[in-house]
């Protein structure tokens, strides 16, 4: 009888060990994962809370509907309002310095409210697929979007949603944040950009390697997630970047990330397709996966007014997580 080689014995032992519960030591557990009824089967894409009680979730169906959900109890219950006037999926929502709320979406659809969501005004922008809208100042907003590696679009608007002027890039822009009225960042297909003049001009930063789709800011530090599973961090206003998680490393679990949130300098969450929720407690250097509570694709993660984590995604998915 042929004897087994020592190296095969070691490999066999390692394989068996990895099937044991001890190899799941990095799997984290929620205190609770509460499913919230949304009243819709539309995809939900972004979350905004404007105070301790009032918040909004936007979404819809790409070519068929625009949906805004509203809460007045801090995110425990939501009411669904559709907007046939817009009629296309909404992707981003934000509040301007003067309190107006803006949401944008596919085919240049824009809605804004000057009365904390009680009424909404529709505006038709240029017919581009827009992802996010942000107002560095009360009288000038920036709407961004694009088509993967083909093209990117920037439309500058006034407080009433009227176009001031438009610009374009060679790559899709997925997210935008402003630290103040002057300094801000955009990320997109293989790029991260910075402005120091309120969005009048953008500088291409020295970082690439993923389709970057979400930026989180805490106390001046930046974290950016990418669709292939990468996470980058900058602590010096974007001058240098550290790759905290390499999405192209075949030795790591593959995640298609879509959103990232850091509540402080250490604790961060990232979400992605097929219900992936990851957590880091060391500023993003190491990530562990939580128990899966849904198989829906998750699109965004935000903090609720009381500090819980809220995630939204496909098929009307809303979960509130105590972690």
Protein backbone atom coordinates (compact mmCIF):
# COMPACT_ATOMS: atom_id res chain seq x y z
CA UNK A 1 0.00 0.00 0.00
CA UNK A 2 1.35 3.41 -1.01
CA UNK A 3 2.08 5.70 1.95
CA UNK A 4 0.85 9.28 1.93
CA UNK A 5 3.41 12.04 1.54
CA UNK A 6 3.82 14.22 4.67
CA UNK A 7 2.97 17.34 2.65
CA UNK A 8 -0.36 15.81 1.52
CA UNK A 9 -1.14 14.89 5.12
CA UNK A 10 -0.56 18.47 6.20
CA UNK A 11 -2.73 19.83 3.40
CA UNK A 12 -5.50 17.37 4.21
CA UNK A 13 -5.39 18.32 7.89
CA UNK A 14 -5.54 22.02 7.00
CA UNK A 15 -8.51 21.49 4.70
CA UNK A 16 -10.40 19.56 7.38
CA UNK A 17 -9.57 22.21 9.97
CA UNK A 18 -10.97 24.94 7.73
CA UNK A 19 -14.27 23.10 7.60
CA UNK A 20 -14.53 23.22 11.37
CA UNK A 21 -16.30 26.03 13.29
CA UNK A 22 -12.95 27.47 14.38
CA UNK A 23 -12.40 28.86 10.87
CA UNK A 24 -15.48 31.04 11.35
CA UNK A 25 -13.87 33.02 14.14
CA UNK A 26 -14.13 36.21 12.06
CA UNK A 27 -17.91 35.87 11.60
CA UNK A 28 -19.58 38.60 13.66
CA UNK A 29 -23.03 38.63 15.23
CA UNK A 30 -25.58 41.41 15.50
CA UNK A 31 -27.40 42.27 18.67
CA UNK A 32 -30.38 42.35 16.31
CA UNK A 33 -31.20 42.80 12.63
CA UNK A 34 -34.70 44.25 12.39
CA UNK A 35 -36.47 44.13 9.06
CA UNK A 36 -38.41 47.33 8.39
CA UNK A 37 -41.47 47.27 6.13
CA UNK A 38 -40.99 49.63 3.19
CA UNK A 39 -44.30 49.15 1.38
CA UNK A 40 -42.52 48.82 -1.97
CA UNK A 41 -40.61 46.29 -4.05
CA UNK A 42 -38.55 49.01 -5.76
CA UNK A 43 -34.79 49.16 -5.34
CA UNK A 44 -33.80 51.59 -2.56
CA UNK A 45 -30.58 53.50 -3.12
CA UNK A 46 -29.87 56.21 -0.55
CA UNK A 47 -30.79 57.42 2.94
CA UNK A 48 -30.94 60.90 4.50
CA UNK A 49 -31.89 61.91 8.04
CA UNK A 50 -32.38 65.64 8.58
CA UNK A 51 -33.07 65.50 12.34
CA UNK A 52 -33.81 63.02 15.13
CA UNK A 53 -37.18 62.02 13.68
CA UNK A 54 -37.43 62.91 9.98
CA UNK A 55 -35.65 60.99 7.24
CA UNK A 56 -35.95 59.92 3.61
CA UNK A 57 -35.06 56.93 1.45
CA UNK A 58 -35.05 57.23 -2.35
CA UNK A 59 -35.23 54.62 -5.08
CA UNK A 60 -37.53 53.32 -7.76
CA UNK A 61 -37.43 51.29 -10.96
CA UNK A 62 -34.91 52.42 -13.57
CA UNK A 63 -37.37 53.22 -16.38
CA UNK A 64 -40.70 53.09 -14.57
CA UNK A 65 -40.94 54.82 -11.18
CA UNK A 66 -39.49 57.34 -8.73
CA UNK A 67 -40.05 56.58 -5.04
CA UNK A 68 -39.42 58.56 -1.86
CA UNK A 69 -40.02 56.97 1.54
CA UNK A 70 -40.49 59.25 4.56
CA UNK A 71 -40.16 58.59 8.29
CA UNK A 72 -41.17 60.80 11.21
CA UNK A 73 -40.11 58.43 14.00
CA UNK A 74 -36.39 58.08 13.44
CA UNK A 75 -36.62 55.31 10.84
CA UNK A 76 -38.86 52.71 12.50
CA UNK A 77 -41.79 53.21 10.11
CA UNK A 78 -41.87 54.60 6.56
CA UNK A 79 -44.57 55.93 4.23
CA UNK A 80 -44.24 55.50 0.47
CA UNK A 81 -44.82 58.29 -2.04
CA UNK A 82 -44.45 57.84 -5.79
CA UNK A 83 -43.76 60.62 -8.27
CA UNK A 84 -45.19 59.84 -11.75
CA UNK A 85 -43.93 63.26 -12.88
CA UNK A 86 -40.35 62.06 -12.53
CA UNK A 87 -41.08 58.44 -13.45
CA UNK A 88 -37.48 57.20 -13.25
CA UNK A 89 -35.34 55.69 -10.50
CA UNK A 90 -33.85 58.07 -7.90
CA UNK A 91 -30.31 57.41 -6.67
CA UNK A 92 -29.06 60.21 -4.41
CA UNK A 93 -30.52 62.55 -1.78
CA UNK A 94 -28.97 65.36 0.28
CA UNK A 95 -29.78 68.57 2.13
CA UNK A 96 -28.39 71.98 1.21
CA UNK A 97 -27.09 74.50 3.79
CA UNK A 98 -30.40 76.40 3.67
CA UNK A 99 -32.41 73.26 4.49
CA UNK A 100 -33.74 72.41 1.04
CA UNK A 101 -33.73 68.69 0.19
CA UNK A 102 -32.70 67.47 -3.28
CA UNK A 103 -32.87 64.06 -4.93
CA UNK A 104 -31.70 63.10 -8.41
CA UNK A 105 -31.92 60.09 -10.66
CA UNK A 106 -31.95 58.46 -14.04
CA UNK A 107 -32.50 60.53 -17.20
CA UNK A 108 -31.79 63.80 -15.36
CA UNK A 109 -34.78 63.67 -13.01
CA UNK A 110 -34.56 66.06 -10.04
CA UNK A 111 -36.99 66.69 -7.18
CA UNK A 112 -36.52 69.24 -4.42
CA UNK A 113 -38.41 70.23 -1.30
CA UNK A 114 -38.27 73.57 0.50
CA UNK A 115 -40.55 72.43 3.34
CA UNK A 116 -38.77 69.36 4.80
CA UNK A 117 -40.46 66.91 2.46
CA UNK A 118 -44.10 67.93 2.71
CA UNK A 119 -44.10 69.02 -0.94
CA UNK A 120 -41.76 68.37 -3.85
CA UNK A 121 -41.02 70.30 -7.05
CA UNK A 122 -39.94 68.47 -10.20
CA UNK A 123 -37.16 69.68 -12.49
CA UNK A 124 -35.88 68.08 -15.70
CA UNK A 125 -32.10 68.31 -16.04
CA UNK A 126 -30.09 67.18 -19.06
CA UNK A 127 -30.99 63.55 -19.88
CA UNK A 128 -28.05 61.90 -18.12
CA UNK A 129 -27.93 59.00 -15.63
CA UNK A 130 -27.25 60.92 -12.41
CA UNK A 131 -26.14 59.28 -9.14
CA UNK A 132 -25.73 62.01 -6.51
CA UNK A 133 -26.60 65.65 -5.84
CA UNK A 134 -24.86 67.91 -3.33
CA UNK A 135 -24.95 71.64 -2.52
CA UNK A 136 -21.64 73.15 -1.34
CA UNK A 137 -23.55 76.43 -0.83
CA UNK A 138 -27.25 77.27 -0.65
CA UNK A 139 -27.35 78.71 -4.15
CA UNK A 140 -25.23 76.26 -6.15
CA UNK A 141 -25.47 72.48 -6.39
CA UNK A 142 -23.50 69.75 -8.15
CA UNK A 143 -25.19 66.75 -9.77
CA UNK A 144 -22.94 63.86 -10.86
CA UNK A 145 -23.22 60.56 -12.74
CA UNK A 146 -22.02 58.71 -15.80
CA UNK A 147 -21.65 55.43 -17.66
CA UNK A 148 -18.80 53.20 -16.33
CA UNK A 149 -15.56 53.81 -18.26
CA UNK A 150 -17.33 55.57 -21.14
CA UNK A 151 -18.26 58.99 -19.78
CA UNK A 152 -19.02 61.08 -16.72
CA UNK A 153 -21.38 64.01 -16.25
CA UNK A 154 -21.44 67.03 -13.93
CA UNK A 155 -24.34 69.47 -13.94
CA UNK A 156 -24.28 72.65 -11.84
CA UNK A 157 -27.67 73.92 -10.72
CA UNK A 158 -29.17 76.75 -8.70
CA UNK A 159 -31.42 76.42 -5.64
CA UNK A 160 -34.52 75.99 -7.83
CA UNK A 161 -32.93 73.17 -9.84
CA UNK A 162 -32.23 75.25 -12.92
CA UNK A 163 -29.09 74.39 -14.87
CA UNK A 164 -26.22 76.88 -14.59
CA UNK A 165 -23.78 74.93 -16.77
CA UNK A 166 -22.59 71.39 -17.51
CA UNK A 167 -19.26 69.60 -17.73
CA UNK A 168 -18.12 66.10 -18.69
CA UNK A 169 -15.35 63.61 -17.93
CA UNK A 170 -14.06 60.38 -19.46
CA UNK A 171 -15.28 58.17 -16.62
CA UNK A 172 -18.39 57.68 -14.50
CA UNK A 173 -18.63 59.64 -11.23
CA UNK A 174 -20.42 57.72 -8.46
CA UNK A 175 -20.25 59.77 -5.26
CA UNK A 176 -19.45 63.24 -3.97
CA UNK A 177 -18.84 64.72 -0.49
CA UNK A 178 -17.97 68.23 0.66
CA UNK A 179 -16.07 68.91 3.88
CA UNK A 180 -17.04 72.59 3.67
CA UNK A 181 -18.08 75.08 0.98
CA UNK A 182 -14.65 74.88 -0.66
CA UNK A 183 -13.11 71.43 -0.17
CA UNK A 184 -14.69 68.25 -1.47
CA UNK A 185 -14.10 64.90 -3.14
CA UNK A 186 -15.62 62.82 -5.91
CA UNK A 187 -14.98 59.17 -6.73
CA UNK A 188 -15.74 57.11 -9.80
CA UNK A 189 -14.55 54.55 -12.28
CA UNK A 190 -10.86 54.21 -11.34
CA UNK A 191 -10.57 57.78 -10.02
CA UNK A 192 -10.76 59.97 -6.92
CA UNK A 193 -10.81 63.73 -7.40
CA UNK A 194 -10.54 66.76 -5.11
CA UNK A 195 -11.74 70.36 -5.29
CA UNK A 196 -10.59 73.36 -3.23
CA UNK A 197 -12.82 75.90 -4.96
CA UNK A 198 -16.31 74.60 -4.30
CA UNK A 199 -16.38 72.32 -7.33
CA UNK A 200 -15.32 74.85 -9.95
CA UNK A 201 -12.32 72.64 -10.79
CA UNK A 202 -11.26 69.11 -9.87
CA UNK A 203 -7.78 67.64 -9.31
CA UNK A 204 -7.16 63.98 -10.13
CA UNK A 205 -5.57 62.29 -7.09
CA UNK A 206 -2.92 59.60 -7.23
CA UNK A 207 -5.05 56.58 -6.45
CA UNK A 208 -6.65 53.95 -8.69
CA UNK A 209 -7.42 50.25 -8.82
CA UNK A 210 -11.19 49.91 -8.50
CA UNK A 211 -14.54 51.32 -9.54
CA UNK A 212 -14.86 53.60 -6.50
CA UNK A 213 -18.50 54.07 -5.54
CA UNK A 214 -18.81 55.56 -2.04
CA UNK A 215 -16.93 58.02 0.20
CA UNK A 216 -17.22 58.25 3.98
CA UNK A 217 -15.78 61.14 5.99
CA UNK A 218 -15.13 61.37 9.72
CA UNK A 219 -13.23 64.23 11.35
CA UNK A 220 -11.35 64.99 8.12
CA UNK A 221 -10.35 61.38 7.41
CA UNK A 222 -11.57 59.72 4.21
CA UNK A 223 -12.50 56.14 3.40
CA UNK A 224 -13.50 55.04 -0.12
CA UNK A 225 -15.00 51.71 -1.16
CA UNK A 226 -14.82 50.05 -4.57
CA UNK A 227 -17.07 47.60 -6.41
CA UNK A 228 -14.33 44.94 -6.54
CA UNK A 229 -14.05 45.02 -2.74
CA UNK A 230 -11.23 47.49 -2.19
CA UNK A 231 -11.13 50.01 0.66
CA UNK A 232 -8.78 53.02 0.60
CA UNK A 233 -8.05 55.53 3.37
CA UNK A 234 -6.50 59.00 3.54
CA UNK A 235 -5.67 60.92 6.71
CA UNK A 236 -4.03 63.91 4.98
CA UNK A 237 -6.82 65.44 2.88
CA UNK A 238 -6.28 63.06 -0.03
CA UNK A 239 -2.56 63.72 -0.53
CA UNK A 240 -1.66 60.10 0.15
CA UNK A 241 -3.81 56.98 0.20
CA UNK A 242 -3.39 53.62 1.88
CA UNK A 243 -5.01 50.51 0.44
CA UNK A 244 -6.61 48.91 3.50
CA UNK A 245 -8.37 46.12 1.64
CA UNK A 246 -7.26 44.81 -1.75
CA UNK A 247 -10.27 43.74 -3.76
CA UNK A 248 -8.04 42.02 -6.29
CA UNK A 249 -6.38 39.72 -3.73
CA UNK A 250 -7.53 36.19 -4.62
CA UNK A 251 -6.62 34.97 -1.13
CA UNK A 252 -9.45 37.10 0.32
CA UNK A 253 -13.19 36.56 0.16
CA UNK A 254 -14.66 38.35 -2.84
CA UNK A 255 -17.18 41.09 -2.10
CA UNK A 256 -18.80 43.51 -4.52
CA UNK A 257 -19.04 46.57 -2.27
CA UNK A 258 -21.54 49.37 -2.88
CA UNK A 259 -21.36 51.53 0.25
CA UNK A 260 -19.20 52.44 3.24
CA UNK A 261 -19.75 54.28 6.54
CA UNK A 262 -17.39 55.24 9.36
CA UNK A 263 -19.11 56.45 12.53
CA UNK A 264 -15.77 57.28 14.16
CA UNK A 265 -12.07 56.84 13.41
CA UNK A 266 -12.16 53.12 14.24
CA UNK A 267 -15.61 51.68 13.56
CA UNK A 268 -16.70 51.28 9.96
CA UNK A 269 -19.23 49.28 7.97
CA UNK A 270 -19.25 48.32 4.29
CA UNK A 271 -22.16 46.76 2.40
CA UNK A 272 -22.46 45.02 -0.93
CA UNK A 273 -24.21 42.57 -3.17
CA UNK A 274 -25.90 39.39 -1.93
CA UNK A 275 -26.46 40.81 1.55
CA UNK A 276 -22.81 41.39 2.44
CA UNK A 277 -22.19 43.50 5.55
CA UNK A 278 -18.62 43.93 6.81
CA UNK A 279 -17.31 45.66 9.94
CA UNK A 280 -13.93 47.04 10.96
CA UNK A 281 -12.98 48.14 14.47
CA UNK A 282 -9.45 49.29 13.64
CA UNK A 283 -10.01 52.08 11.11
CA UNK A 284 -10.42 49.75 8.15
CA UNK A 285 -7.24 47.69 8.38
CA UNK A 286 -9.15 44.46 9.00
CA UNK A 287 -12.69 43.52 8.05
CA UNK A 288 -15.00 40.78 9.30
CA UNK A 289 -18.33 39.68 7.89
CA UNK A 290 -21.54 39.71 9.87
CA UNK A 291 -24.05 36.88 9.88
CA UNK A 292 -26.06 37.19 6.65
CA UNK A 293 -29.62 38.33 7.30
CA UNK A 294 -30.68 38.85 3.65
CA UNK A 295 -29.63 37.75 0.17
CA UNK A 296 -30.76 41.04 -1.42
CA UNK A 297 -28.14 43.37 -2.87
CA UNK A 298 -27.49 46.21 -0.43
CA UNK A 299 -26.95 49.68 -1.90
CA UNK A 300 -26.28 52.06 1.00
CA UNK A 301 -25.43 52.16 4.71
CA UNK A 302 -26.09 55.12 7.02
CA UNK A 303 -26.35 55.81 10.75
CA UNK A 304 -29.78 56.48 12.24
CA UNK A 305 -30.32 59.33 14.71
CA UNK A 306 -30.02 56.98 17.71
CA UNK A 307 -26.78 55.41 16.42
CA UNK A 308 -28.15 52.21 14.87
CA UNK A 309 -26.98 51.18 11.39
CA UNK A 310 -29.50 51.23 8.54
CA UNK A 311 -29.03 49.46 5.20
CA UNK A 312 -31.22 49.56 2.09
CA UNK A 313 -31.24 47.63 -1.14
CA UNK A 314 -33.14 45.74 -3.81
CA UNK A 315 -36.75 44.59 -3.55
CA UNK A 316 -37.65 47.32 -1.03
CA UNK A 317 -35.12 46.08 1.52
CA UNK A 318 -34.63 48.07 4.74
CA UNK A 319 -32.88 46.68 7.81
CA UNK A 320 -32.06 48.38 11.09
CA UNK A 321 -29.03 46.88 12.81
CA UNK A 322 -28.02 47.09 16.44
CA UNK A 323 -24.33 46.25 16.54
